[in-house]
Protein backbone atom coordinates (compact mmCIF):
# COMPACT_ATOMS: atom_id res chain seq x y z
CA MET A 1 -0.01 0.04 -0.04
CA ASN A 2 1.40 3.48 -0.98
CA THR A 3 1.28 5.70 2.07
CA GLU A 4 3.20 8.51 0.39
CA ARG A 5 1.37 11.92 0.30
CA HIS A 6 0.95 13.70 -2.97
CA PHE A 7 0.71 17.39 -3.39
CA ILE A 8 -2.89 18.91 -3.53
CA PRO A 9 -3.06 22.22 -5.33
CA LEU A 10 -5.32 24.79 -3.63
CA ASN A 11 -7.12 27.80 -4.92
CA ILE A 12 -6.00 31.06 -3.37
CA ALA A 13 -7.48 34.56 -3.37
CA LEU A 14 -5.28 37.43 -2.58
CA LEU A 15 -6.30 40.79 -1.09
CA VAL A 16 -3.98 43.71 -0.96
CA VAL A 17 -5.30 46.30 1.47
CA SER A 18 -3.84 49.70 0.66
CA ASP A 19 -4.96 53.35 0.31
CA SER A 20 -2.00 54.01 -2.01
CA ARG A 21 -0.92 50.82 -3.93
CA THR A 22 -1.93 50.00 -7.46
CA GLU A 23 -1.22 46.95 -9.48
CA ALA A 24 1.93 48.71 -10.90
CA ASP A 25 3.55 49.29 -7.55
CA ASP A 26 2.15 46.53 -5.40
CA VAL A 27 5.14 44.45 -4.22
CA SER A 28 3.63 42.42 -1.34
CA GLY A 29 0.77 41.02 -3.43
CA LYS A 30 3.12 40.05 -6.18
CA VAL A 31 5.47 38.30 -3.65
CA LEU A 32 2.47 36.29 -2.37
CA ALA A 33 1.18 35.51 -5.88
CA GLU A 34 4.58 34.33 -7.12
CA ARG A 35 5.23 32.16 -4.02
CA ALA A 36 1.83 30.57 -4.26
CA VAL A 37 2.31 29.63 -7.93
CA GLU A 38 5.81 28.51 -7.30
CA ALA A 39 4.44 26.17 -4.65
CA GLY A 40 1.93 24.68 -7.19
CA HIS A 41 -1.20 26.51 -6.16
CA THR A 42 -3.54 28.60 -8.26
CA VAL A 43 -4.17 32.32 -7.63
CA LEU A 44 -7.88 32.62 -8.54
CA GLU A 45 -8.17 36.38 -7.98
CA LYS A 46 -6.22 39.26 -6.63
CA LEU A 47 -7.85 42.50 -5.57
CA ILE A 48 -6.47 45.79 -4.18
CA VAL A 49 -8.96 47.53 -1.88
CA PRO A 50 -8.66 50.65 0.35
CA ASP A 51 -8.21 50.24 4.04
CA ASN A 52 -11.88 50.34 4.76
CA ILE A 53 -13.38 47.59 7.01
CA TYR A 54 -16.53 47.26 4.91
CA ARG A 55 -14.62 47.02 1.62
CA ILE A 56 -12.29 44.42 3.11
CA ARG A 57 -15.07 42.48 4.63
CA ALA A 58 -17.09 42.43 1.35
CA ALA A 59 -14.18 41.04 -0.62
CA VAL A 60 -13.34 38.39 1.98
CA SER A 61 -17.01 37.48 2.46
CA ALA A 62 -17.51 36.88 -1.21
CA TRP A 63 -14.49 34.58 -1.33
CA ILE A 64 -15.41 32.58 1.73
CA ALA A 65 -18.92 32.08 0.26
CA ASP A 66 -17.29 30.75 -3.01
CA ALA A 67 -16.70 27.05 -2.74
CA ASN A 68 -13.88 27.18 -5.33
CA VAL A 69 -11.71 29.32 -2.95
CA ASN A 70 -9.72 27.28 -0.39
CA VAL A 71 -7.54 30.07 1.05
CA VAL A 72 -7.70 33.79 1.40
CA ILE A 73 -4.54 35.73 2.19
CA SER A 74 -4.51 39.42 2.81
CA THR A 75 -1.73 41.86 3.10
CA GLY A 76 -1.93 45.33 4.70
CA GLY A 77 -4.04 46.91 7.30
CA THR A 78 -2.78 45.02 10.27
CA GLY A 79 -0.95 47.95 12.04
CA VAL A 80 -2.14 50.09 14.74
CA THR A 81 -2.89 53.33 12.87
CA GLY A 82 -6.40 54.72 12.62
CA ARG A 83 -6.85 53.39 9.09
CA ASP A 84 -5.62 49.90 9.89
CA GLY A 85 -8.70 47.82 9.92
CA THR A 86 -8.04 44.36 8.36
CA PRO A 87 -8.31 42.49 11.75
CA GLU A 88 -11.54 44.29 12.62
CA ALA A 89 -12.93 43.52 9.12
CA VAL A 90 -11.99 39.78 9.22
CA ALA A 91 -12.29 38.64 12.77
CA PRO A 92 -16.10 38.81 12.90
CA LEU A 93 -16.21 36.48 9.85
CA LEU A 94 -14.12 33.74 11.48
CA ASP A 95 -15.71 30.52 12.75
CA LYS A 96 -12.37 29.60 14.43
CA THR A 97 -9.24 31.61 15.05
CA LEU A 98 -5.76 30.07 14.72
CA GLU A 99 -4.05 31.87 17.58
CA GLY A 100 -0.76 30.05 16.97
CA PHE A 101 -0.40 31.70 13.60
CA GLY A 102 -0.11 35.27 14.94
CA GLU A 103 2.07 34.08 17.84
CA LEU A 104 4.37 32.26 15.60
CA PHE A 105 4.54 35.04 13.00
CA ARG A 106 5.45 37.59 15.69
CA MET A 107 8.07 35.26 17.19
CA LEU A 108 9.71 34.77 13.70
CA SER A 109 9.33 38.51 12.84
CA TYR A 110 11.06 39.48 16.11
CA GLN A 111 14.20 37.79 14.73
CA GLU A 112 14.14 40.37 11.79
CA ILE A 113 12.54 43.51 13.16
CA LYS A 114 12.97 43.19 16.89
CA SER A 115 10.33 44.91 19.17
CA SER A 116 8.70 46.54 16.08
CA THR A 117 6.86 43.21 15.63
CA MET A 118 4.54 44.06 18.53
CA GLN A 119 2.82 46.48 16.24
CA SER A 120 1.72 43.57 14.02
CA ARG A 121 -1.84 42.18 14.44
CA ALA A 122 -1.34 39.34 11.97
CA LEU A 123 -3.96 36.73 12.36
CA ALA A 124 -5.40 33.51 10.84
CA GLY A 125 -8.54 31.47 11.07
CA VAL A 126 -11.17 29.50 9.36
CA ALA A 127 -14.52 30.72 7.94
CA ASN A 128 -17.00 28.54 6.11
CA GLY A 129 -14.32 25.90 5.36
CA THR A 130 -11.85 28.51 3.97
CA TYR A 131 -8.52 29.37 5.61
CA LEU A 132 -7.71 32.96 6.09
CA PHE A 133 -4.37 34.57 6.74
CA CYS A 134 -4.05 38.35 7.42
CA LEU A 135 -0.52 39.59 6.97
CA PRO A 136 1.20 42.93 7.49
CA GLY A 137 1.69 45.02 4.29
CA SER A 138 5.41 44.81 3.94
CA SER A 139 6.90 42.40 1.47
CA GLY A 140 9.36 41.24 4.12
CA ALA A 141 6.52 40.24 6.32
CA CYS A 142 4.81 38.43 3.43
CA ARG A 143 8.01 36.51 2.62
CA THR A 144 8.36 35.48 6.40
CA ALA A 145 4.72 34.39 6.71
CA TRP A 146 4.71 32.44 3.44
CA ASP A 147 8.27 30.99 3.61
CA LEU A 148 8.16 29.98 7.32
CA LEU A 149 4.52 29.22 8.04
CA ILE A 150 1.89 29.18 5.35
CA LYS A 151 3.67 27.32 2.53
CA GLU A 152 4.32 24.27 4.78
CA GLN A 153 0.82 24.22 6.21
CA LEU A 154 -0.75 24.45 2.71
CA ASP A 155 1.33 21.47 1.60
CA TYR A 156 -0.45 18.08 2.04
CA ARG A 157 2.95 16.36 2.11
CA SER A 158 4.06 18.21 5.27
CA LYS A 159 4.42 16.04 8.22
CA PRO A 160 3.44 15.42 10.94
CA CYS A 161 0.28 17.46 10.09
CA ASN A 162 -0.81 20.31 7.97
CA LEU A 163 -4.07 22.44 7.32
CA VAL A 164 -4.70 20.75 3.99
CA GLN A 165 -5.38 17.32 5.55
CA LEU A 166 -7.96 18.87 7.78
CA MET A 167 -10.02 20.52 4.99
CA PRO A 168 -12.38 17.55 4.58
CA ARG A 169 -13.39 18.03 8.16
CA LEU A 170 -13.72 21.86 8.36
CA MET A 171 -17.43 21.88 7.88
CA GLU A 172 -18.25 19.16 10.36
CA LYS A 173 -20.92 19.91 12.94
């Protein structure tokens, strides 16, 4: 019996939260898209929306209602300024929060940016069977999150366990 795990490609939606970025100068969204495709996943859609909780929530809600979207990754809006609203937009949509993601992200980020990492409100969770990851807007933060946390957890071959193997059970009641 073959017990080897095989890669399962996922459909990913990317949201860039920014009041100033355009497709021409968006670096963080491009970093995430490139890494997702390099890993073997499909980027179904990429949007840039202003830092407005209702615009963010509308985009994320549409994706979590779409059975074709497995993962939503946002970048931007996780800081502490008055305009940073991604956590407030996304948190009410979550069925479950993955507290460990934010904790691990800040631990890893600390090695690069020291105490400035306390300003990050990165978070992750599950909503309607869809994984959501909310990352800071810097390309460095996106690289750290993807390379050291997300990539491995979105790869069914990762052992001892990964988020992909739990997907068939996410909608259990």
